[in-house]
C-alpha atoms as a PDB file:
ATOM      1  CA  MET A   1     123.942  93.101 120.817  1.00  0.00           C
ATOM      2  CA  ARG A   2     123.465  95.581 118.008  1.00  0.00           C
ATOM      3  CA  SER A   3     119.982  96.265 116.740  1.00  0.00           C
ATOM      4  CA  PRO A   4     119.086  97.817 113.392  1.00  0.00           C
ATOM      5  CA  THR A   5     117.532 101.223 112.970  1.00  0.00           C
ATOM      6  CA  PHE A   6     116.382 103.011 109.885  1.00  0.00           C
ATOM      7  CA  LYS A   7     116.089 106.778 109.688  1.00  0.00           C
ATOM      8  CA  LEU A   8     114.550 109.047 107.145  1.00  0.00           C
ATOM      9  CA  ALA A   9     116.000 112.518 107.284  1.00  0.00           C
ATOM     10  CA  ALA A  10     113.724 115.019 108.966  1.00  0.00           C
ATOM     11  CA  ALA A  11     113.546 117.117 105.836  1.00  0.00           C
ATOM     12  CA  LEU A  12     113.252 116.198 102.211  1.00  0.00           C
ATOM     13  CA  SER A  13     115.282 118.301  99.812  1.00  0.00           C
ATOM     14  CA  ILE A  14     112.860 119.430  97.157  1.00  0.00           C
ATOM     15  CA  PHE A  15     113.589 120.456  93.606  1.00  0.00           C
ATOM     16  CA  VAL A  16     110.436 121.593  91.862  1.00  0.00           C
ATOM     17  CA  PHE A  17     110.061 121.184  88.107  1.00  0.00           C
ATOM     18  CA  ALA A  18     106.699 122.943  87.928  1.00  0.00           C
ATOM     19  CA  GLY A  19     104.772 125.308  90.159  1.00  0.00           C
ATOM     20  CA  THR A  20     106.145 127.620  92.800  1.00  0.00           C
ATOM     21  CA  ALA A  21     109.296 126.977  94.798  1.00  0.00           C
ATOM     22  CA  ASN A  22     107.620 127.770  98.147  1.00  0.00           C
ATOM     23  CA  ALA A  23     106.302 124.744 100.017  1.00  0.00           C
ATOM     24  CA  ASN A  24     102.734 125.594 101.002  1.00  0.00           C
ATOM     25  CA  GLU A  25     100.587 123.634 103.448  1.00  0.00           C
ATOM     26  CA  PRO A  26      99.202 121.161 100.881  1.00  0.00           C
ATOM     27  CA  MET A  27     102.763 120.412  99.733  1.00  0.00           C
ATOM     28  CA  LYS A  28     103.983 119.986 103.317  1.00  0.00           C
ATOM     29  CA  ASP A  29     101.115 117.574 103.947  1.00  0.00           C
ATOM     30  CA  TRP A  30     102.035 115.635 100.803  1.00  0.00           C
ATOM     31  CA  GLU A  31     105.688 115.436 101.929  1.00  0.00           C
ATOM     32  CA  ASN A  32     104.606 114.160 105.352  1.00  0.00           C
ATOM     33  CA  ARG A  33     102.553 111.429 103.679  1.00  0.00           C
ATOM     34  CA  LEU A  34     105.621 110.485 101.643  1.00  0.00           C
ATOM     35  CA  ARG A  35     107.733 110.225 104.826  1.00  0.00           C
ATOM     36  CA  THR A  36     105.085 107.905 106.300  1.00  0.00           C
ATOM     37  CA  LYS A  37     105.058 105.743 103.159  1.00  0.00           C
ATOM     38  CA  ILE A  38     108.847 105.461 103.133  1.00  0.00           C
ATOM     39  CA  ALA A  39     108.932 104.584 106.824  1.00  0.00           C
ATOM     40  CA  ALA A  40     106.319 101.874 106.216  1.00  0.00           C
ATOM     41  CA  THR A  41     108.507 100.217 103.563  1.00  0.00           C
ATOM     42  CA  ASN A  42     111.677 100.180 105.637  1.00  0.00           C
ATOM     43  CA  SER A  43     113.545  97.125 106.752  1.00  0.00           C
ATOM     44  CA  TYR A  44     117.192  96.448 107.460  1.00  0.00           C
ATOM     45  CA  PRO A  45     118.605  93.589 105.384  1.00  0.00           C
ATOM     46  CA  THR A  46     119.636  90.655 107.579  1.00  0.00           C
ATOM     47  CA  GLU A  47     122.828  90.208 105.578  1.00  0.00           C
ATOM     48  CA  ALA A  48     123.739  93.849 106.214  1.00  0.00           C
ATOM     49  CA  ILE A  49     123.135  93.413 109.958  1.00  0.00           C
ATOM     50  CA  ASN A  50     125.382  90.331 110.005  1.00  0.00           C
ATOM     51  CA  GLU A  51     128.106  92.254 108.141  1.00  0.00           C
ATOM     52  CA  GLY A  52     127.737  95.331 110.362  1.00  0.00           C
ATOM     53  CA  ALA A  53     126.930  97.443 107.306  1.00  0.00           C
ATOM     54  CA  GLU A  54     125.820 101.002 108.035  1.00  0.00           C
ATOM     55  CA  GLY A  55     125.443 104.052 105.840  1.00  0.00           C
ATOM     56  CA  THR A  56     123.278 106.655 104.192  1.00  0.00           C
ATOM     57  CA  VAL A  57     121.879 106.292 100.696  1.00  0.00           C
ATOM     58  CA  LYS A  58     120.608 109.349  98.843  1.00  0.00           C
ATOM     59  CA  MET A  59     117.887 108.681  96.305  1.00  0.00           C
ATOM     60  CA  ARG A  60     116.250 111.020  93.800  1.00  0.00           C
ATOM     61  CA  LEU A  61     112.560 110.166  93.576  1.00  0.00           C
ATOM     62  CA  LYS A  62     110.526 111.612  90.708  1.00  0.00           C
ATOM     63  CA  PHE A  63     106.761 111.831  91.058  1.00  0.00           C
ATOM     64  CA  ALA A  64     104.172 112.487  88.365  1.00  0.00           C
ATOM     65  CA  GLN A  65     101.186 114.750  89.015  1.00  0.00           C
ATOM     66  CA  THR A  66      99.168 111.602  89.805  1.00  0.00           C
ATOM     67  CA  GLY A  67     101.445 110.874  92.796  1.00  0.00           C
ATOM     68  CA  ASN A  68     102.962 107.811  91.122  1.00  0.00           C
ATOM     69  CA  VAL A  69     106.714 107.242  91.264  1.00  0.00           C
ATOM     70  CA  GLU A  70     108.013 107.701  87.742  1.00  0.00           C
ATOM     71  CA  GLY A  71     111.725 107.547  88.430  1.00  0.00           C
ATOM     72  CA  VAL A  72     114.245 106.430  91.030  1.00  0.00           C
ATOM     73  CA  GLU A  73     117.916 107.328  90.843  1.00  0.00           C
ATOM     74  CA  LEU A  74     120.768 106.555  93.224  1.00  0.00           C
ATOM     75  CA  VAL A  75     122.439 109.917  93.898  1.00  0.00           C
ATOM     76  CA  GLU A  76     124.905 108.917  96.629  1.00  0.00           C
ATOM     77  CA  LYS A  77     125.931 105.405  97.636  1.00  0.00           C
ATOM     78  CA  SER A  78     126.261 104.156 101.203  1.00  0.00           C
ATOM     79  CA  GLY A  79     129.441 102.195 100.601  1.00  0.00           C
ATOM     80  CA  PHE A  80     127.546  98.892 100.855  1.00  0.00           C
ATOM     81  CA  GLU A  81     125.854  97.459  97.775  1.00  0.00           C
ATOM     82  CA  ILE A  82     123.268  95.635  99.889  1.00  0.00           C
ATOM     83  CA  LEU A  83     122.096  98.908 101.518  1.00  0.00           C
ATOM     84  CA  ASP A  84     122.052 100.713  98.175  1.00  0.00           C
ATOM     85  CA  ARG A  85     119.993  97.914  96.631  1.00  0.00           C
ATOM     86  CA  LYS A  86     117.579  97.849  99.602  1.00  0.00           C
ATOM     87  CA  ALA A  87     117.035 101.624  99.436  1.00  0.00           C
ATOM     88  CA  PHE A  88     116.323 101.367  95.699  1.00  0.00           C
ATOM     89  CA  GLN A  89     113.838  98.526  96.287  1.00  0.00           C
ATOM     90  CA  MET A  90     112.135 100.503  99.071  1.00  0.00           C
ATOM     91  CA  ALA A  91     111.741 103.506  96.768  1.00  0.00           C
ATOM     92  CA  LEU A  92     110.146 101.349  94.075  1.00  0.00           C
ATOM     93  CA  ARG A  93     107.574 100.051  96.605  1.00  0.00           C
ATOM     94  CA  ILE A  94     106.161 103.494  97.383  1.00  0.00           C
ATOM     95  CA  GLN A  95     102.523 103.269  96.329  1.00  0.00           C
ATOM     96  CA  GLY A  96      99.256 104.940  97.145  1.00  0.00           C
ATOM     97  CA  MET A  97     100.486 108.515  97.226  1.00  0.00           C
ATOM     98  CA  PRO A  98      97.798 111.103  96.514  1.00  0.00           C
ATOM     99  CA  ALA A  99      98.051 113.374  93.496  1.00  0.00           C
ATOM    100  CA  LEU A 100     100.440 116.290  93.857  1.00  0.00           C
ATOM    101  CA  PRO A 101      98.954 119.523  95.186  1.00  0.00           C
ATOM    102  CA  GLU A 102      97.313 121.777  92.647  1.00  0.00           C
ATOM    103  CA  GLY A 103      99.739 123.488  90.309  1.00  0.00           C
ATOM    104  CA  ARG A 104     102.418 120.810  90.588  1.00  0.00           C
ATOM    105  CA  LYS A 105     102.918 118.727  87.471  1.00  0.00           C
ATOM    106  CA  GLN A 106     105.997 116.831  88.597  1.00  0.00           C
ATOM    107  CA  ILE A 107     108.482 116.960  91.447  1.00  0.00           C
ATOM    108  CA  SER A 108     111.855 115.459  92.146  1.00  0.00           C
ATOM    109  CA  LEU A 109     112.971 114.872  95.729  1.00  0.00           C
ATOM    110  CA  ILE A 110     116.371 113.972  97.143  1.00  0.00           C
ATOM    111  CA  VAL A 111     115.682 111.560  99.999  1.00  0.00           C
ATOM    112  CA  PRO A 112     118.494 110.460 102.355  1.00  0.00           C
ATOM    113  CA  LEU A 113     117.882 107.029 103.915  1.00  0.00           C
ATOM    114  CA  THR A 114     120.123 106.129 106.847  1.00  0.00           C
ATOM    115  CA  PHE A 115     120.757 102.567 107.961  1.00  0.00           C
ATOM    116  CA  SER A 116     122.489 102.321 111.339  1.00  0.00           C
ATOM    117  CA  LEU A 117     123.140  99.722 113.997  1.00  0.00           C
ATOM    118  CA  THR A 118     122.914 100.684 117.654  1.00  0.00           C
ATOM    119  CA  ASP A 119     124.570  98.949 120.583  1.00  0.00           C
ATOM    120  CA  ASN A 120     122.032  97.616 123.097  1.00  0.00           C
ATOM    121  CA  SER A 121     124.549  96.455 125.698  1.00  0.00           C
END
């Protein structure tokens, strides 16, 4: 029997539009909160499990200074439309992020989301 797993890459690739390029402690804390939010929205589509669909989707998430998602873009497809669609939907459900750390007006993050099936036999 194969069971679904969902992984968020250990590191977010960060491209900063404003502020300094060095990730300070407040920014690292903010990124960790984002990882937690993404993990809380994860689920593996039943149809994808039945089809044996696996893959990694790379999304560009844009955040305003308020912490609200202001843009989601599919950067790299998984090879399965259902996984790409699910990753996009998950990104749109990210809510409740705190404002960006002081000095940051907007950030854009590349977030790889991996859907994989493991063999439990």
